[in-house]
């Protein structure tokens, strides 16, 4: 499934009930939510966008909303993938601090560079969290 990876680890803890995994037991990773055991993964939840009932295994949390996979796909394709904002600062430390403090919701800072032909204007580049995490995982 999209973004749902089976994980077998030493001490995986279920995000819903707090149960620890036993050796050989498989926990599933729900994107944006965390690892869940099989019992909690089979619980029915409600999609925040369309209102349909789906199992926790087939849901995704995106920008704080619990979505079914159909709504997740539509939501993911609808937003901008990258955002660039200009920052005026005297040093890279000041530019980095202001870029991190003023990050748009649902985006991650992926780059900071000096604007061409400028000594004080910095360009902060942000990428959507879901795209960044899927590309880097």
N, C-alpha and C. Protein backbone atom coordinates (compact mmCIF):
# COMPACT_ATOMS: atom_id res chain seq x y z
N UNK A 1 0.83 -1.18 0.00
CA UNK A 1 0.00 0.00 0.00
C UNK A 1 0.87 1.25 0.00
N UNK A 2 0.35 2.32 -0.47
CA UNK A 2 1.06 3.57 -0.57
C UNK A 2 1.47 4.08 0.82
N UNK A 3 2.77 4.15 1.08
CA UNK A 3 3.27 4.70 2.33
C UNK A 3 3.11 3.82 3.54
N UNK A 4 2.75 2.57 3.38
CA UNK A 4 2.53 1.67 4.51
C UNK A 4 3.52 0.53 4.42
N UNK A 5 4.51 0.56 5.28
CA UNK A 5 5.60 -0.39 5.23
C UNK A 5 5.54 -1.28 6.46
N UNK A 6 5.69 -2.57 6.28
CA UNK A 6 5.75 -3.47 7.42
C UNK A 6 7.12 -3.32 8.06
N UNK A 7 7.13 -3.19 9.38
CA UNK A 7 8.39 -3.03 10.08
C UNK A 7 8.51 -4.11 11.14
N UNK A 8 9.63 -4.80 11.14
CA UNK A 8 9.95 -5.71 12.23
C UNK A 8 11.16 -5.12 12.92
N UNK A 9 11.04 -4.81 14.16
CA UNK A 9 12.13 -4.17 14.88
C UNK A 9 12.26 -4.72 16.27
N UNK A 10 13.28 -4.27 16.98
CA UNK A 10 13.51 -4.77 18.33
C UNK A 10 12.39 -4.36 19.27
N UNK A 11 12.18 -3.08 19.43
CA UNK A 11 11.18 -2.59 20.38
C UNK A 11 10.27 -1.57 19.72
N UNK A 12 9.45 -2.00 18.80
CA UNK A 12 8.48 -1.11 18.17
C UNK A 12 7.28 -0.98 19.10
N UNK A 13 6.83 0.25 19.30
CA UNK A 13 5.70 0.51 20.19
C UNK A 13 4.52 1.00 19.36
N UNK A 14 3.33 0.42 19.61
CA UNK A 14 2.12 0.81 18.90
C UNK A 14 1.72 2.23 19.30
N UNK A 15 1.46 3.07 18.33
CA UNK A 15 1.09 4.47 18.57
C UNK A 15 -0.29 4.57 19.21
N UNK A 16 -1.20 3.61 18.95
CA UNK A 16 -2.56 3.67 19.48
C UNK A 16 -2.67 3.14 20.90
N UNK A 17 -2.22 1.90 21.11
CA UNK A 17 -2.44 1.25 22.41
C UNK A 17 -1.19 1.20 23.28
N UNK A 18 -0.02 1.44 22.72
CA UNK A 18 1.21 1.44 23.49
C UNK A 18 1.84 0.07 23.68
N UNK A 19 1.30 -0.97 23.03
CA UNK A 19 1.85 -2.32 23.16
C UNK A 19 3.20 -2.41 22.47
N UNK A 20 4.13 -3.14 23.09
CA UNK A 20 5.45 -3.34 22.49
C UNK A 20 5.44 -4.60 21.65
N UNK A 21 6.23 -4.58 20.59
CA UNK A 21 6.29 -5.75 19.71
C UNK A 21 7.10 -6.86 20.36
N UNK A 22 6.72 -8.08 20.04
CA UNK A 22 7.45 -9.26 20.50
C UNK A 22 8.33 -9.73 19.34
N UNK A 23 9.38 -10.49 19.59
CA UNK A 23 10.23 -10.96 18.49
C UNK A 23 9.42 -11.69 17.42
N UNK A 24 9.61 -11.29 16.18
CA UNK A 24 8.91 -11.91 15.05
C UNK A 24 7.56 -11.30 14.75
N UNK A 25 7.05 -10.45 15.62
CA UNK A 25 5.75 -9.81 15.39
C UNK A 25 5.93 -8.62 14.45
N UNK A 26 5.01 -8.44 13.54
CA UNK A 26 5.10 -7.37 12.55
C UNK A 26 4.18 -6.21 12.92
N UNK A 27 4.75 -5.02 12.93
CA UNK A 27 3.97 -3.80 13.11
C UNK A 27 3.94 -3.10 11.77
N UNK A 28 2.86 -2.40 11.48
CA UNK A 28 2.74 -1.67 10.23
C UNK A 28 2.97 -0.19 10.50
N UNK A 29 3.61 0.47 9.55
CA UNK A 29 3.85 1.90 9.67
C UNK A 29 2.82 2.64 8.84
N UNK A 30 2.01 3.47 9.48
CA UNK A 30 1.01 4.29 8.81
C UNK A 30 1.63 5.67 8.61
N UNK A 31 1.73 6.11 7.36
CA UNK A 31 2.40 7.37 7.04
C UNK A 31 1.75 8.54 7.78
N UNK A 32 2.58 9.32 8.46
CA UNK A 32 2.12 10.49 9.19
C UNK A 32 1.57 10.19 10.57
N UNK A 33 1.39 8.92 10.89
CA UNK A 33 0.82 8.54 12.18
C UNK A 33 1.84 7.80 13.03
N UNK A 34 2.41 6.72 12.50
CA UNK A 34 3.40 5.94 13.23
C UNK A 34 3.13 4.45 13.11
N UNK A 35 3.84 3.67 13.90
CA UNK A 35 3.70 2.21 13.87
C UNK A 35 2.48 1.78 14.67
N UNK A 36 1.72 0.84 14.12
CA UNK A 36 0.55 0.30 14.81
C UNK A 36 0.59 -1.23 14.76
N UNK A 37 0.06 -1.85 15.80
CA UNK A 37 -0.03 -3.30 15.83
C UNK A 37 -1.20 -3.74 14.94
N UNK A 38 -1.28 -5.02 14.69
CA UNK A 38 -2.34 -5.54 13.82
C UNK A 38 -3.73 -5.26 14.38
N UNK A 39 -3.91 -5.43 15.69
CA UNK A 39 -5.21 -5.22 16.33
C UNK A 39 -5.68 -3.77 16.16
N UNK A 40 -4.80 -2.81 16.41
CA UNK A 40 -5.17 -1.38 16.26
C UNK A 40 -5.29 -0.99 14.80
N UNK A 41 -4.54 -1.64 13.94
CA UNK A 41 -4.61 -1.35 12.51
C UNK A 41 -5.93 -1.75 11.90
N UNK A 42 -6.62 -2.71 12.50
CA UNK A 42 -7.90 -3.16 11.98
C UNK A 42 -9.09 -2.33 12.50
N UNK A 43 -8.85 -1.44 13.46
CA UNK A 43 -9.92 -0.58 13.96
C UNK A 43 -10.40 0.36 12.86
N UNK A 44 -11.69 0.62 12.86
CA UNK A 44 -12.28 1.53 11.88
C UNK A 44 -12.14 2.97 12.38
N UNK A 45 -11.74 3.87 11.47
CA UNK A 45 -11.67 5.30 11.75
C UNK A 45 -12.42 6.04 10.65
N UNK A 46 -12.64 7.33 10.84
CA UNK A 46 -13.40 8.13 9.87
C UNK A 46 -12.46 9.10 9.17
N UNK A 47 -12.56 9.16 7.84
CA UNK A 47 -11.77 10.09 7.04
C UNK A 47 -12.27 11.51 7.32
N UNK A 48 -11.34 12.42 7.60
CA UNK A 48 -11.71 13.81 7.91
C UNK A 48 -12.24 14.57 6.71
N UNK A 49 -11.94 14.12 5.51
CA UNK A 49 -12.37 14.86 4.32
C UNK A 49 -13.69 14.35 3.76
N UNK A 50 -13.81 13.05 3.50
CA UNK A 50 -15.03 12.54 2.86
C UNK A 50 -15.98 11.85 3.84
N UNK A 51 -15.51 11.54 5.06
CA UNK A 51 -16.38 10.94 6.06
C UNK A 51 -16.54 9.43 5.96
N UNK A 52 -15.82 8.78 5.08
CA UNK A 52 -15.96 7.33 4.94
C UNK A 52 -15.21 6.62 6.07
N UNK A 53 -15.69 5.43 6.42
CA UNK A 53 -15.05 4.62 7.44
C UNK A 53 -14.03 3.70 6.79
N UNK A 54 -12.80 3.77 7.27
CA UNK A 54 -11.72 2.94 6.75
C UNK A 54 -10.93 2.38 7.92
N UNK A 55 -10.16 1.34 7.65
CA UNK A 55 -9.30 0.78 8.68
C UNK A 55 -8.06 1.65 8.85
N UNK A 56 -7.49 1.64 10.05
CA UNK A 56 -6.30 2.44 10.33
C UNK A 56 -5.17 2.11 9.35
N UNK A 57 -5.07 0.80 8.93
CA UNK A 57 -4.05 0.40 7.96
C UNK A 57 -4.17 1.17 6.65
N UNK A 58 -5.37 1.47 6.25
CA UNK A 58 -5.58 2.11 4.95
C UNK A 58 -5.87 3.60 5.09
N UNK A 59 -5.27 4.23 6.08
CA UNK A 59 -5.41 5.67 6.25
C UNK A 59 -4.02 6.30 6.26
N UNK A 60 -4.01 7.61 6.14
CA UNK A 60 -2.77 8.38 6.18
C UNK A 60 -3.07 9.70 6.88
N UNK A 61 -2.13 10.18 7.68
CA UNK A 61 -2.29 11.48 8.32
C UNK A 61 -1.44 12.47 7.53
N UNK A 62 -2.10 13.48 6.98
CA UNK A 62 -1.42 14.49 6.17
C UNK A 62 -1.83 15.87 6.68
N UNK A 63 -0.84 16.66 7.09
CA UNK A 63 -1.07 18.01 7.61
C UNK A 63 -2.11 18.03 8.72
N UNK A 64 -2.05 17.02 9.60
CA UNK A 64 -2.93 16.97 10.75
C UNK A 64 -4.31 16.39 10.49
N UNK A 65 -4.61 15.98 9.26
CA UNK A 65 -5.92 15.41 8.92
C UNK A 65 -5.76 13.92 8.63
N UNK A 66 -6.66 13.11 9.17
CA UNK A 66 -6.67 11.68 8.89
C UNK A 66 -7.47 11.47 7.62
N UNK A 67 -6.82 10.90 6.60
CA UNK A 67 -7.44 10.74 5.29
C UNK A 67 -7.42 9.30 4.83
N UNK A 68 -8.47 8.92 4.07
CA UNK A 68 -8.45 7.64 3.38
C UNK A 68 -7.47 7.77 2.20
N UNK A 69 -7.10 6.67 1.60
CA UNK A 69 -6.09 6.74 0.54
C UNK A 69 -6.58 7.51 -0.69
N UNK A 70 -7.88 7.48 -0.98
CA UNK A 70 -8.42 8.22 -2.12
C UNK A 70 -8.29 9.72 -1.88
N UNK A 71 -8.68 10.18 -0.70
CA UNK A 71 -8.58 11.60 -0.38
C UNK A 71 -7.12 12.03 -0.24
N UNK A 72 -6.28 11.14 0.27
CA UNK A 72 -4.85 11.44 0.41
C UNK A 72 -4.24 11.70 -0.96
N UNK A 73 -4.55 10.84 -1.92
CA UNK A 73 -4.00 11.01 -3.27
C UNK A 73 -4.45 12.34 -3.87
N UNK A 74 -5.72 12.67 -3.72
CA UNK A 74 -6.25 13.93 -4.26
C UNK A 74 -5.62 15.13 -3.56
N UNK A 75 -5.48 15.07 -2.24
CA UNK A 75 -4.90 16.16 -1.46
C UNK A 75 -3.42 16.36 -1.81
N UNK A 76 -2.72 15.28 -1.98
CA UNK A 76 -1.30 15.33 -2.29
C UNK A 76 -1.04 15.95 -3.66
N UNK A 77 -1.88 15.61 -4.62
CA UNK A 77 -1.70 16.13 -5.97
C UNK A 77 -2.16 17.58 -6.11
N UNK A 78 -3.00 18.05 -5.18
CA UNK A 78 -3.56 19.39 -5.32
C UNK A 78 -2.62 20.50 -4.87
N UNK A 79 -1.74 20.23 -3.91
CA UNK A 79 -0.89 21.29 -3.36
C UNK A 79 0.37 21.52 -4.15
N UNK A 80 1.00 22.65 -3.89
CA UNK A 80 2.28 22.96 -4.52
C UNK A 80 3.34 22.05 -3.93
N UNK A 81 4.28 21.62 -4.77
CA UNK A 81 5.33 20.74 -4.29
C UNK A 81 6.45 21.52 -3.62
N UNK A 82 6.79 22.67 -4.15
CA UNK A 82 7.87 23.49 -3.60
C UNK A 82 7.44 24.94 -3.47
N UNK A 83 7.95 25.60 -2.43
CA UNK A 83 7.68 27.01 -2.19
C UNK A 83 9.02 27.70 -1.93
N UNK A 84 9.23 28.86 -2.53
CA UNK A 84 10.45 29.63 -2.31
C UNK A 84 10.07 30.98 -1.70
N UNK A 85 10.69 31.32 -0.57
CA UNK A 85 10.45 32.60 0.08
C UNK A 85 11.78 33.34 0.23
N UNK A 86 11.73 34.65 0.06
CA UNK A 86 12.94 35.46 0.22
C UNK A 86 13.01 36.00 1.64
N UNK A 87 14.22 35.99 2.19
CA UNK A 87 14.49 36.48 3.54
C UNK A 87 15.61 37.52 3.45
N UNK A 88 15.47 38.61 4.15
CA UNK A 88 16.53 39.62 4.22
C UNK A 88 17.21 39.46 5.56
N UNK A 89 18.52 39.17 5.52
CA UNK A 89 19.30 38.97 6.75
C UNK A 89 20.76 39.31 6.47
N UNK A 90 21.47 39.69 7.53
CA UNK A 90 22.88 40.05 7.38
C UNK A 90 23.80 38.84 7.35
N UNK A 91 23.39 37.73 7.97
CA UNK A 91 24.24 36.54 8.01
C UNK A 91 23.40 35.29 7.73
N UNK A 92 24.07 34.19 7.44
CA UNK A 92 23.37 32.94 7.16
C UNK A 92 22.68 32.43 8.43
N UNK A 93 23.26 32.68 9.60
CA UNK A 93 22.64 32.24 10.85
C UNK A 93 21.29 32.92 11.06
N UNK A 94 21.22 34.22 10.80
CA UNK A 94 19.95 34.95 10.93
C UNK A 94 18.94 34.47 9.89
N UNK A 95 19.41 34.24 8.67
CA UNK A 95 18.51 33.77 7.61
C UNK A 95 17.97 32.39 7.94
N UNK A 96 18.83 31.51 8.44
CA UNK A 96 18.40 30.15 8.80
C UNK A 96 17.41 30.18 9.95
N UNK A 97 17.69 30.98 10.96
CA UNK A 97 16.78 31.08 12.11
C UNK A 97 15.40 31.59 11.68
N UNK A 98 15.36 32.63 10.84
CA UNK A 98 14.06 33.16 10.41
C UNK A 98 13.35 32.20 9.46
N UNK A 99 14.11 31.45 8.66
CA UNK A 99 13.50 30.49 7.74
C UNK A 99 12.87 29.33 8.49
N UNK A 100 13.53 28.87 9.52
CA UNK A 100 12.99 27.76 10.33
C UNK A 100 11.80 28.24 11.15
N UNK A 101 11.89 29.44 11.71
CA UNK A 101 10.80 29.96 12.54
C UNK A 101 9.53 30.24 11.74
N UNK A 102 9.67 30.58 10.47
CA UNK A 102 8.52 30.95 9.65
C UNK A 102 8.28 29.93 8.53
N UNK A 103 8.38 28.65 8.85
CA UNK A 103 8.16 27.59 7.86
C UNK A 103 6.66 27.47 7.57
N UNK A 104 6.26 27.43 6.30
CA UNK A 104 4.83 27.25 5.99
C UNK A 104 4.33 25.90 6.51
N UNK A 105 3.06 25.85 6.90
CA UNK A 105 2.48 24.62 7.45
C UNK A 105 2.47 23.51 6.39
N UNK A 106 2.96 22.34 6.79
CA UNK A 106 2.99 21.19 5.89
C UNK A 106 4.21 21.13 4.99
N UNK A 107 5.18 22.02 5.20
CA UNK A 107 6.39 22.06 4.39
C UNK A 107 7.63 21.91 5.28
N UNK A 108 8.74 21.48 4.66
CA UNK A 108 10.02 21.36 5.35
C UNK A 108 11.06 22.20 4.61
N UNK A 109 11.96 22.81 5.35
CA UNK A 109 13.04 23.58 4.74
C UNK A 109 14.05 22.61 4.13
N UNK A 110 14.31 22.76 2.83
CA UNK A 110 15.26 21.88 2.15
C UNK A 110 16.49 22.62 1.62
N UNK A 111 16.45 23.94 1.56
CA UNK A 111 17.60 24.66 1.07
C UNK A 111 17.56 26.14 1.39
N UNK A 112 18.74 26.71 1.55
CA UNK A 112 18.87 28.14 1.80
C UNK A 112 20.08 28.62 1.02
N UNK A 113 19.87 29.60 0.16
CA UNK A 113 20.99 30.09 -0.65
C UNK A 113 20.87 31.60 -0.80
N UNK A 114 22.00 32.21 -1.10
CA UNK A 114 22.04 33.64 -1.32
C UNK A 114 21.49 33.95 -2.70
N UNK A 115 20.62 34.93 -2.79
CA UNK A 115 20.04 35.30 -4.07
C UNK A 115 21.14 35.86 -4.98
N UNK A 116 21.11 35.49 -6.27
CA UNK A 116 22.14 36.00 -7.18
C UNK A 116 22.18 37.53 -7.19
N UNK A 117 23.38 38.07 -7.22
CA UNK A 117 23.62 39.53 -7.26
C UNK A 117 23.12 40.24 -6.00
N UNK A 118 23.14 39.55 -4.86
CA UNK A 118 22.70 40.16 -3.61
C UNK A 118 23.65 39.76 -2.49
N UNK A 119 23.74 40.60 -1.48
CA UNK A 119 24.57 40.27 -0.32
C UNK A 119 23.75 40.07 0.94
N UNK A 120 22.47 40.44 0.91
CA UNK A 120 21.62 40.34 2.10
C UNK A 120 20.33 39.56 1.88
N UNK A 121 19.97 39.25 0.66
CA UNK A 121 18.70 38.56 0.39
C UNK A 121 18.96 37.07 0.20
N UNK A 122 18.30 36.27 1.01
CA UNK A 122 18.44 34.82 0.99
C UNK A 122 17.17 34.20 0.46
N UNK A 123 17.30 33.09 -0.24
CA UNK A 123 16.14 32.37 -0.78
C UNK A 123 16.00 31.05 -0.02
N UNK A 124 14.90 30.91 0.71
CA UNK A 124 14.62 29.69 1.47
C UNK A 124 13.68 28.84 0.63
N UNK A 125 14.06 27.59 0.40
CA UNK A 125 13.25 26.69 -0.41
C UNK A 125 12.64 25.62 0.49
N UNK A 126 11.32 25.48 0.38
CA UNK A 126 10.58 24.51 1.18
C UNK A 126 9.94 23.47 0.26
N UNK A 127 9.85 22.23 0.75
CA UNK A 127 9.20 21.16 0.00
C UNK A 127 8.12 20.55 0.89
N UNK A 128 7.03 20.11 0.26
CA UNK A 128 5.95 19.49 1.04
C UNK A 128 6.49 18.31 1.83
N UNK A 129 6.03 18.15 3.07
CA UNK A 129 6.53 17.10 3.96
C UNK A 129 6.33 15.71 3.40
N UNK A 130 5.16 15.43 2.85
CA UNK A 130 4.89 14.08 2.36
C UNK A 130 5.79 13.71 1.20
N UNK A 131 6.07 14.65 0.31
CA UNK A 131 6.96 14.38 -0.82
C UNK A 131 8.39 14.22 -0.32
N UNK A 132 8.81 15.08 0.60
CA UNK A 132 10.16 14.99 1.15
C UNK A 132 10.38 13.66 1.84
N UNK A 133 9.43 13.24 2.68
CA UNK A 133 9.57 11.99 3.42
C UNK A 133 9.54 10.78 2.50
N UNK A 134 8.71 10.79 1.47
CA UNK A 134 8.65 9.65 0.54
C UNK A 134 9.90 9.58 -0.30
N UNK A 135 10.50 10.72 -0.61
CA UNK A 135 11.71 10.75 -1.42
C UNK A 135 12.92 10.34 -0.58
N UNK A 136 12.92 10.68 0.70
CA UNK A 136 14.08 10.43 1.55
C UNK A 136 13.98 9.14 2.37
N UNK A 137 12.89 8.40 2.26
CA UNK A 137 12.78 7.18 3.08
C UNK A 137 13.25 5.97 2.32
